[in-house]
Amino acid sequence: MKQLHIFFHELHSFLILWITQALSTLGSSMTSFALIIWSYQQQGSALNTALLSVCSYVPYIMMSIFAGALSDRWDKKAIMLASDSFAAMCTIITLFLLQTGRLEIWHLYCLNALSGLMNTIQQPAADVTVSLLIPKKHYQKASGMRSFSNSLINILTPVIAAALLSLFQIQAVIIFDLVTFGIAFISLLFFVRIPQAIPRQEKREPVFRSAKTGLRYLKQNRGILDLILFLAAINFTASVYNAAFPAMLLSKENGGETVLGIVNSATGIALLLGSIAASVLPAPKSRVRVICNTLLFSMSTENFLLAFGNSVPVWCIGAILGWTCIPVMNANMDVLLRGHVPLPMQGRVFSTRNTLQFFTIPIGYFTGGILVDKVFEPLMASQPQNSLPSILFGTGKGSGAAFLFCLLAVVGIVTCLLFRKDPHIWKLEQ
């Protein structure tokens, strides 16, 4: 009991921030889920729907390398409050356009781009804030707790969003989003004190020089750089998957909105289990080995089951196998980075990491949308019903996306095996 009391005392501010920000993220995720369904119903195109994510990530990636310098210079709380407020304003505009019947897909592209731009500055500030609020001994537990909340969000998002959509309309989802934003904003403003990360005089370094410092640090630390590039390669495969996933489940004869919600909930349950494991497991002997093995297991299970399966239970099993290990991987990745990168450098290095690790995501979404709409769906539509591809991946709309999942499994396995041999990554163990 005494140890529990000490734990809560040491993490008091972090716990407030973690719970309220998680609630706000739930609201934002529900809005994104509802708008993806709205977009696919309006357009019927995997590419047009995937472009919603592309527009969010492109400004985030282009500006991230400079955002860390700003994050290191500016007050962390002010950055997070301003960024959250701007995102809420974009949500209010979306609600207004819906209410007046003027919402079009290009409006969402523009609003997502603006939100992504603000998230560029917010993300490194939030990452450094976590390091400032918790003792180093609690890094793995805190990472597991954050994974836990993200997992719970993945479970609750389709359930609550689908309930609100069926009982009311998409406007109810957006209003819920705005209410959760208000709770998080007030909590951060009045109840969370974030200490200064670095001395005031260091904040006067020019932005471009600070960004260059982050790049130079990674160049001099090849193990961290190669680990980031490993995740960038995985993110490309994962984002192609994300572009094809709703297109397949919404298009298949035995799919639909409810099925998409069920499989998403299975993904959330898997992440929840993995997060609990990440929180309670002792530190492994080799964090690099854990990262490599968990990603290899994930890539070699879910994609194959989505490709060859043709029922909700099989898709759910694939989601559980594919995502259970991801929080464990994230926790070990997080500990490696926070343990190796000096605290005064984390804003700059993490923002540079964001650019290098996530630049493949919009490329993957765009590629996935084109491959589904222009390559694999037309290819499967031209196949006779008794052909081998039709037997393996089914017929009708959605079978092309299933074919693509099979190829993604092979690409993911090869990627993991190649980076597993990288000697620079293994030197991080020393």
Protein backbone atom coordinates (compact mmCIF):
# COMPACT_ATOMS: atom_id res chain seq x y z
CA MET A 1 0.00 0.00 0.00
CA LYS A 2 2.85 2.37 0.87
CA GLN A 3 4.56 1.67 -2.47
CA LEU A 4 1.28 2.37 -4.27
CA HIS A 5 0.95 5.67 -2.41
CA ILE A 6 4.50 6.64 -3.40
CA PHE A 7 3.79 5.68 -7.01
CA PHE A 8 0.70 7.91 -7.19
CA HIS A 9 2.55 10.74 -5.46
CA GLU A 10 5.45 10.61 -7.92
CA LEU A 11 3.13 10.41 -10.95
CA HIS A 12 0.35 12.73 -9.75
CA SER A 13 0.61 15.32 -12.54
CA PHE A 14 1.29 12.68 -15.19
CA LEU A 15 -1.83 10.74 -14.19
CA ILE A 16 -4.05 13.81 -14.51
CA LEU A 17 -2.56 14.64 -17.88
CA TRP A 18 -2.71 11.03 -19.06
CA ILE A 19 -6.39 10.47 -18.14
CA THR A 20 -7.75 13.74 -19.48
CA GLN A 21 -5.72 13.70 -22.69
CA ALA A 22 -6.79 10.10 -23.28
CA LEU A 23 -10.42 11.18 -22.92
CA SER A 24 -9.87 13.96 -25.45
CA THR A 25 -8.14 11.53 -27.81
CA LEU A 26 -11.17 9.24 -27.55
CA GLY A 27 -13.39 12.07 -28.75
CA SER A 28 -11.05 12.92 -31.62
CA SER A 29 -10.78 9.26 -32.65
CA MET A 30 -14.54 8.92 -32.70
CA THR A 31 -14.81 11.93 -34.99
CA SER A 32 -12.15 10.51 -37.31
CA PHE A 33 -13.92 7.12 -37.37
CA ALA A 34 -17.26 8.71 -38.21
CA LEU A 35 -15.74 10.91 -40.93
CA ILE A 36 -13.99 7.92 -42.55
CA ILE A 37 -17.35 6.15 -42.82
CA TRP A 38 -18.98 9.36 -44.11
CA SER A 39 -16.21 9.78 -46.70
CA TYR A 40 -16.40 6.20 -47.98
CA GLN A 41 -20.18 6.39 -48.19
CA GLN A 42 -19.93 9.63 -50.17
CA GLN A 43 -17.06 8.64 -52.49
CA GLY A 44 -16.82 4.83 -52.48
CA SER A 45 -13.07 5.15 -53.05
CA ALA A 46 -10.21 3.81 -50.93
CA LEU A 47 -7.92 6.50 -52.35
CA ASN A 48 -10.21 9.41 -51.47
CA THR A 49 -10.65 8.06 -47.95
CA ALA A 50 -6.91 7.42 -47.54
CA LEU A 51 -6.20 11.02 -48.57
CA LEU A 52 -7.77 12.14 -45.28
CA SER A 53 -4.78 10.61 -43.49
CA VAL A 54 -2.34 11.79 -46.14
CA CYS A 55 -3.41 15.40 -45.60
CA SER A 56 -2.93 15.00 -41.84
CA TYR A 57 0.55 13.54 -42.10
CA VAL A 58 2.17 15.60 -44.88
CA PRO A 59 2.43 18.92 -42.96
CA TYR A 60 3.27 16.99 -39.80
CA ILE A 61 6.24 15.35 -41.50
CA MET A 62 7.43 18.38 -43.45
CA MET A 63 7.56 20.63 -40.38
CA SER A 64 8.44 18.14 -37.63
CA ILE A 65 12.17 18.61 -38.05
CA PHE A 66 11.79 22.29 -37.05
CA ALA A 67 9.02 21.77 -34.51
CA GLY A 68 11.31 20.14 -31.97
CA ALA A 69 13.47 23.27 -31.84
CA LEU A 70 10.36 25.34 -31.11
CA SER A 71 9.23 22.79 -28.56
CA ASP A 72 12.55 23.00 -26.74
CA ARG A 73 12.35 26.82 -26.72
CA TRP A 74 8.70 27.39 -25.85
CA ASP A 75 6.63 26.57 -22.79
CA LYS A 76 5.31 23.01 -23.10
CA LYS A 77 1.93 23.74 -21.52
CA ALA A 78 1.31 26.75 -23.77
CA ILE A 79 2.15 24.67 -26.86
CA MET A 80 -0.24 21.88 -25.89
CA LEU A 81 -3.07 24.26 -24.96
CA ALA A 82 -2.73 26.23 -28.21
CA SER A 83 -2.52 23.11 -30.36
CA ASP A 84 -5.55 21.50 -28.72
CA SER A 85 -7.54 24.73 -29.10
CA PHE A 86 -6.71 24.95 -32.81
CA ALA A 87 -7.75 21.33 -33.34
CA ALA A 88 -11.03 22.05 -31.53
CA MET A 89 -11.63 25.03 -33.82
CA CYS A 90 -11.22 22.76 -36.87
CA THR A 91 -13.77 20.39 -35.34
CA ILE A 92 -16.21 23.25 -34.79
CA ILE A 93 -15.84 24.26 -38.45
CA THR A 94 -16.58 20.68 -39.49
CA LEU A 95 -19.72 20.67 -37.35
CA PHE A 96 -20.86 23.98 -38.85
CA LEU A 97 -20.39 22.69 -42.42
CA LEU A 98 -22.32 19.53 -41.56
CA GLN A 99 -25.18 21.47 -39.99
CA THR A 100 -25.48 23.71 -43.03
CA GLY A 101 -25.21 20.82 -45.51
CA ARG A 102 -22.06 22.24 -47.10
CA LEU A 103 -19.46 19.69 -45.98
CA GLU A 104 -17.44 18.26 -48.87
CA ILE A 105 -14.46 15.94 -48.94
CA TRP A 106 -12.03 18.74 -49.85
CA HIS A 107 -13.07 20.63 -46.71
CA LEU A 108 -11.89 17.67 -44.65
CA TYR A 109 -8.61 17.53 -46.56
CA CYS A 110 -7.91 21.18 -45.70
CA LEU A 111 -8.97 20.87 -42.06
CA ASN A 112 -6.92 17.70 -41.60
CA ALA A 113 -3.87 19.45 -43.05
CA LEU A 114 -4.26 22.34 -40.60
CA SER A 115 -4.72 19.97 -37.66
CA GLY A 116 -1.69 18.00 -38.76
CA LEU A 117 0.35 21.19 -38.85
CA MET A 118 -0.51 22.03 -35.23
CA ASN A 119 0.10 18.44 -34.16
CA THR A 120 3.62 18.89 -35.51
CA ILE A 121 4.45 21.23 -32.65
CA GLN A 122 2.31 19.52 -30.04
CA GLN A 123 3.74 16.01 -30.38
CA PRO A 124 7.38 16.69 -29.41
CA ALA A 125 6.17 18.94 -26.58
CA ALA A 126 3.95 16.13 -25.28
CA ASP A 127 6.80 13.58 -25.58
CA VAL A 128 9.19 15.75 -23.59
CA THR A 129 6.45 16.53 -21.05
CA VAL A 130 6.18 12.83 -20.23
CA SER A 131 9.93 12.71 -19.52
CA LEU A 132 9.63 15.80 -17.33
CA LEU A 133 6.70 14.53 -15.28
CA ILE A 134 7.92 11.02 -14.40
CA PRO A 135 11.09 9.61 -12.83
CA LYS A 136 13.26 7.53 -15.12
CA LYS A 137 12.49 4.35 -13.16
CA HIS A 138 8.83 4.62 -14.23
CA TYR A 139 9.48 5.07 -17.99
CA GLN A 140 8.40 1.55 -18.96
CA LYS A 141 5.32 1.62 -16.71
CA ALA A 142 4.30 5.03 -18.09
CA SER A 143 4.76 3.80 -21.65
CA GLY A 144 2.61 0.77 -20.84
CA MET A 145 -0.06 3.00 -19.30
CA ARG A 146 -0.13 5.21 -22.39
CA SER A 147 -0.43 2.11 -24.56
CA PHE A 148 -3.22 0.90 -22.27
CA SER A 149 -5.23 4.10 -22.79
CA ASN A 150 -4.62 3.99 -26.54
CA SER A 151 -5.84 0.40 -26.58
CA LEU A 152 -8.94 1.28 -24.62
CA ILE A 153 -9.58 4.10 -27.08
CA ASN A 154 -9.35 1.63 -29.97
CA ILE A 155 -11.94 -0.57 -28.27
CA LEU A 156 -14.34 2.20 -27.31
CA THR A 157 -14.08 4.35 -30.45
CA PRO A 158 -16.08 2.14 -32.85
CA VAL A 159 -18.50 1.06 -30.12
CA ILE A 160 -19.46 4.54 -28.88
CA ALA A 161 -19.22 6.16 -32.32
CA ALA A 162 -21.44 3.47 -33.89
CA ALA A 163 -23.96 3.84 -31.06
CA LEU A 164 -24.13 7.62 -31.46
CA LEU A 165 -24.35 7.31 -35.25
CA SER A 166 -27.25 4.84 -35.02
CA LEU A 167 -29.15 6.69 -32.29
CA PHE A 168 -28.45 10.23 -33.48
CA GLN A 169 -26.22 11.50 -36.28
CA ILE A 170 -22.57 12.30 -36.91
CA GLN A 171 -23.13 15.68 -35.21
CA ALA A 172 -23.53 13.90 -31.85
CA VAL A 173 -20.09 12.34 -32.27
CA ILE A 174 -18.52 15.74 -32.93
CA ILE A 175 -20.24 17.31 -29.92
CA PHE A 176 -18.87 14.51 -27.72
CA ASP A 177 -15.42 15.32 -29.13
CA LEU A 178 -15.75 18.97 -28.17
CA VAL A 179 -16.91 18.14 -24.63
CA THR A 180 -13.89 15.89 -24.03
CA PHE A 181 -11.63 18.64 -25.40
CA GLY A 182 -13.04 21.04 -22.81
CA ILE A 183 -12.33 18.63 -19.95
CA ALA A 184 -8.73 18.07 -21.10
CA PHE A 185 -8.12 21.80 -21.66
CA ILE A 186 -9.32 22.83 -18.18
CA SER A 187 -7.37 20.01 -16.49
CA LEU A 188 -4.13 20.90 -18.24
CA LEU A 189 -4.56 24.62 -17.63
CA PHE A 190 -5.31 24.47 -13.91
CA PHE A 191 -4.15 21.12 -12.49
CA VAL A 192 -0.92 20.12 -14.27
CA ARG A 193 2.40 21.83 -13.57
CA ILE A 194 5.12 21.08 -16.11
CA PRO A 195 8.69 21.88 -15.01
CA GLN A 196 11.19 23.55 -17.33
CA ALA A 197 13.19 21.14 -19.48
CA ILE A 198 16.38 23.15 -20.05
CA PRO A 199 17.96 26.41 -18.87
CA ARG A 200 16.48 29.57 -20.35
CA GLN A 201 19.68 30.60 -22.18
CA GLU A 202 19.68 27.42 -24.28
CA LYS A 203 16.30 28.34 -25.73
CA ARG A 204 17.80 31.17 -27.75
CA GLU A 205 19.48 28.83 -30.25
CA PRO A 206 18.13 29.59 -33.77
CA VAL A 207 15.46 27.23 -35.06
CA PHE A 208 17.41 26.01 -38.10
CA ARG A 209 20.51 25.40 -36.02
CA SER A 210 18.48 23.48 -33.45
CA ALA A 211 16.97 21.32 -36.19
CA LYS A 212 20.45 20.69 -37.56
CA THR A 213 21.56 19.66 -34.07
CA GLY A 214 18.87 16.96 -33.99
CA LEU A 215 19.98 15.62 -37.37
CA ARG A 216 23.63 15.67 -36.33
CA TYR A 217 22.84 13.74 -33.15
CA LEU A 218 21.14 10.96 -35.12
CA LYS A 219 23.96 10.85 -37.64
CA GLN A 220 26.42 10.35 -34.80
CA ASN A 221 24.24 7.68 -33.15
CA ARG A 222 23.67 5.16 -35.92
CA GLY A 223 21.92 2.64 -33.70
CA ILE A 224 19.08 5.06 -32.93
CA LEU A 225 18.97 6.27 -36.54
CA ASP A 226 18.75 2.74 -37.95
CA LEU A 227 16.09 1.80 -35.41
CA ILE A 228 14.05 4.81 -36.54
CA LEU A 229 14.51 3.81 -40.20
CA PHE A 230 13.38 0.29 -39.30
CA LEU A 231 10.15 1.70 -37.91
CA ALA A 232 9.82 3.93 -41.01
CA ALA A 233 9.89 0.84 -43.24
CA ILE A 234 7.33 -0.89 -41.02
CA ASN A 235 5.16 2.25 -41.06
CA PHE A 236 5.04 2.17 -44.85
CA THR A 237 3.67 -1.38 -44.84
CA ALA A 238 1.30 -0.55 -41.97
CA SER A 239 -0.11 2.53 -43.71
CA VAL A 240 -0.74 0.61 -46.94
CA TYR A 241 -2.60 -1.84 -44.69
CA ASN A 242 -4.57 1.00 -43.07
CA ALA A 243 -5.62 2.34 -46.49
CA ALA A 244 -6.85 -1.07 -47.63
CA PHE A 245 -8.41 -2.20 -44.33
CA PRO A 246 -11.66 -0.15 -44.29
CA ALA A 247 -12.03 -0.58 -48.06
CA MET A 248 -12.03 -4.36 -47.68
CA LEU A 249 -14.26 -4.63 -44.62
CA LEU A 250 -16.79 -2.07 -45.87
CA SER A 251 -16.90 -3.62 -49.37
CA LYS A 252 -16.96 -7.37 -48.71
CA GLU A 253 -20.31 -9.11 -49.06
CA ASN A 254 -20.18 -10.18 -45.41
CA GLY A 255 -18.69 -6.87 -44.25
CA GLY A 256 -20.08 -3.41 -43.52
CA GLU A 257 -19.94 -0.70 -40.86
CA THR A 258 -20.77 -3.10 -38.02
CA VAL A 259 -18.08 -5.54 -39.09
CA LEU A 260 -15.52 -2.74 -39.34
CA GLY A 261 -16.43 -1.71 -35.80
CA ILE A 262 -16.19 -5.30 -34.50
CA VAL A 263 -12.74 -5.91 -35.99
CA ASN A 264 -11.54 -2.51 -34.79
CA SER A 265 -12.74 -3.43 -31.31
CA ALA A 266 -10.83 -6.72 -31.53
CA THR A 267 -7.75 -4.68 -32.40
CA GLY A 268 -8.37 -2.52 -29.35
CA ILE A 269 -8.73 -5.58 -27.10
CA ALA A 270 -5.43 -6.91 -28.45
CA LEU A 271 -3.71 -3.60 -27.77
CA LEU A 272 -5.24 -3.54 -24.29
CA LEU A 273 -3.82 -6.97 -23.47
CA GLY A 274 -0.45 -5.97 -24.88
CA SER A 275 -0.47 -2.76 -22.86
CA ILE A 276 -1.14 -4.64 -19.64
CA ALA A 277 1.75 -6.95 -20.49
CA ALA A 278 4.03 -3.98 -21.21
CA SER A 279 3.12 -2.43 -17.85
CA VAL A 280 3.72 -5.50 -15.68
CA LEU A 281 6.51 -7.39 -17.45
CA PRO A 282 10.02 -6.95 -16.05
CA ALA A 283 12.68 -5.30 -18.18
CA PRO A 284 13.85 -7.78 -20.83
CA LYS A 285 17.48 -8.81 -21.24
CA SER A 286 17.43 -7.55 -24.83
CA ARG A 287 15.06 -4.75 -25.81
CA VAL A 288 16.27 -4.86 -29.42
CA ARG A 289 15.40 -8.56 -29.66
CA VAL A 290 11.92 -7.85 -28.29
CA ILE A 291 11.35 -5.09 -30.87
CA CYS A 292 12.48 -7.28 -33.78
CA ASN A 293 10.56 -10.38 -32.68
CA THR A 294 7.29 -8.62 -31.90
CA LEU A 295 7.24 -6.84 -35.26
CA LEU A 296 8.09 -10.07 -37.10
CA PHE A 297 5.25 -11.91 -35.33
CA SER A 298 2.81 -9.10 -36.08
CA MET A 299 3.68 -8.90 -39.75
CA SER A 300 3.55 -12.67 -40.27
CA THR A 301 0.10 -13.24 -38.75
CA GLU A 302 -2.59 -10.60 -39.26
CA ASN A 303 -2.01 -9.82 -42.94
CA PHE A 304 -2.22 -13.48 -43.94
CA LEU A 305 -5.42 -14.03 -41.95
CA LEU A 306 -7.02 -10.92 -43.45
CA ALA A 307 -5.95 -12.07 -46.91
CA PHE A 308 -7.23 -15.64 -46.75
CA GLY A 309 -10.00 -15.30 -44.18
CA ASN A 310 -13.57 -14.60 -45.20
CA SER A 311 -15.45 -14.30 -41.92
CA VAL A 312 -15.62 -11.96 -38.95
CA PRO A 313 -14.13 -14.47 -36.43
CA VAL A 314 -11.05 -15.06 -38.62
CA TRP A 315 -10.54 -11.32 -39.16
CA CYS A 316 -10.82 -10.75 -35.40
CA ILE A 317 -8.28 -13.49 -34.66
CA GLY A 318 -5.94 -11.87 -37.17
CA ALA A 319 -6.38 -8.48 -35.49
CA ILE A 320 -5.66 -9.96 -32.05
CA LEU A 321 -2.53 -11.81 -33.22
CA GLY A 322 -1.28 -8.84 -35.20
CA TRP A 323 -1.70 -6.16 -32.54
CA THR A 324 -1.16 -7.83 -29.14
CA CYS A 325 2.64 -7.46 -29.32
CA ILE A 326 2.69 -3.87 -30.59
CA PRO A 327 2.42 -2.15 -27.16
CA VAL A 328 5.31 -4.30 -25.91
CA MET A 329 7.34 -3.20 -28.91
CA ASN A 330 6.41 0.45 -28.38
CA ALA A 331 7.31 0.33 -24.69
CA ASN A 332 10.77 -1.07 -25.39
CA MET A 333 11.32 1.37 -28.23
CA ASP A 334 10.28 4.23 -25.95
CA VAL A 335 12.64 3.16 -23.16
CA LEU A 336 15.56 2.81 -25.59
CA LEU A 337 15.04 6.31 -26.97
CA ARG A 338 14.43 8.04 -23.64
CA GLY A 339 17.37 6.19 -22.09
CA HIS A 340 19.85 7.08 -24.84
CA VAL A 341 18.81 10.62 -25.79
CA PRO A 342 19.74 13.33 -23.22
CA LEU A 343 16.69 15.17 -21.86
CA PRO A 344 17.73 18.65 -23.18
CA MET A 345 18.00 17.10 -26.67
CA GLN A 346 14.78 15.10 -26.66
CA GLY A 347 12.55 17.74 -28.26
CA ARG A 348 14.91 18.18 -31.21
CA VAL A 349 15.73 14.50 -31.59
CA PHE A 350 12.13 13.32 -31.19
CA SER A 351 10.89 15.80 -33.78
CA THR A 352 13.60 14.69 -36.20
CA ARG A 353 12.55 11.15 -35.39
CA ASN A 354 8.97 12.06 -36.30
CA THR A 355 10.06 13.28 -39.73
CA LEU A 356 12.20 10.24 -40.50
CA GLN A 357 9.97 7.60 -38.93
CA PHE A 358 6.64 8.88 -40.19
CA PHE A 359 7.42 10.26 -43.66
CA THR A 360 6.55 6.84 -45.11
CA ILE A 361 3.00 6.97 -43.70
CA PRO A 362 1.40 9.38 -46.22
CA ILE A 363 3.32 7.62 -48.99
CA GLY A 364 1.89 4.32 -47.77
CA TYR A 365 -1.67 5.64 -47.52
CA PHE A 366 -1.48 7.13 -51.02
CA THR A 367 0.12 3.98 -52.42
CA GLY A 368 -2.43 1.76 -50.69
CA GLY A 369 -5.37 3.75 -52.05
CA ILE A 370 -4.03 3.61 -55.60
CA LEU A 371 -3.16 -0.10 -55.36
CA VAL A 372 -6.66 -0.97 -54.14
CA ASP A 373 -8.61 1.23 -56.57
CA LYS A 374 -6.44 1.03 -59.69
CA VAL A 375 -4.54 -2.27 -59.50
CA PHE A 376 -5.82 -5.06 -57.26
CA GLU A 377 -9.60 -4.50 -57.41
CA PRO A 378 -9.58 -4.30 -61.25
CA LEU A 379 -7.22 -7.30 -61.34
CA MET A 380 -9.52 -9.44 -59.18
CA ALA A 381 -12.61 -8.25 -61.07
CA SER A 382 -11.08 -9.68 -64.27
CA GLN A 383 -10.42 -13.12 -62.72
CA PRO A 384 -12.73 -16.06 -63.46
CA GLN A 385 -14.54 -17.43 -60.41
CA ASN A 386 -12.64 -20.73 -60.54
CA SER A 387 -9.20 -19.13 -60.87
CA LEU A 388 -6.60 -19.54 -58.10
CA PRO A 389 -6.70 -15.86 -57.00
CA SER A 390 -10.51 -16.01 -56.73
CA ILE A 391 -10.33 -19.22 -54.69
CA LEU A 392 -7.71 -17.73 -52.35
CA PHE A 393 -9.01 -14.18 -51.95
CA GLY A 394 -12.69 -14.38 -52.89
CA THR A 395 -14.66 -12.53 -55.53
CA GLY A 396 -16.39 -9.18 -55.75
CA LYS A 397 -15.35 -5.85 -54.31
CA GLY A 398 -12.89 -6.21 -51.45
CA SER A 399 -11.08 -9.24 -52.89
CA GLY A 400 -8.40 -6.99 -54.38
CA ALA A 401 -7.64 -5.57 -50.95
CA ALA A 402 -7.39 -9.14 -49.61
CA PHE A 403 -4.83 -9.95 -52.33
CA LEU A 404 -2.87 -6.86 -51.30
CA PHE A 405 -2.79 -8.02 -47.65
CA CYS A 406 -1.03 -11.22 -48.74
CA LEU A 407 1.74 -9.23 -50.42
CA LEU A 408 2.01 -6.92 -47.40
CA ALA A 409 2.69 -9.92 -45.18
CA VAL A 410 5.64 -10.94 -47.36
CA VAL A 411 7.00 -7.37 -47.48
CA GLY A 412 6.71 -7.01 -43.70
CA ILE A 413 8.52 -10.29 -43.00
CA VAL A 414 11.39 -9.42 -45.36
CA THR A 415 11.72 -5.96 -43.76
CA CYS A 416 12.00 -7.41 -40.25
CA LEU A 417 14.57 -10.01 -41.27
CA LEU A 418 16.75 -7.44 -43.04
CA PHE A 419 16.86 -4.94 -40.15
CA ARG A 420 17.34 -7.76 -37.65
CA LYS A 421 20.86 -8.16 -39.12
CA ASP A 422 21.78 -4.48 -38.62
CA PRO A 423 24.82 -4.39 -36.26
CA HIS A 424 24.27 -0.72 -35.33
CA ILE A 425 20.88 -1.48 -33.79
CA TRP A 426 22.30 -4.29 -31.67
CA LYS A 427 24.96 -1.93 -30.29
CA LEU A 428 22.19 -0.12 -28.42
CA GLU A 429 22.23 -3.05 -26.00
CA GLN A 430 25.68 -1.94 -24.85
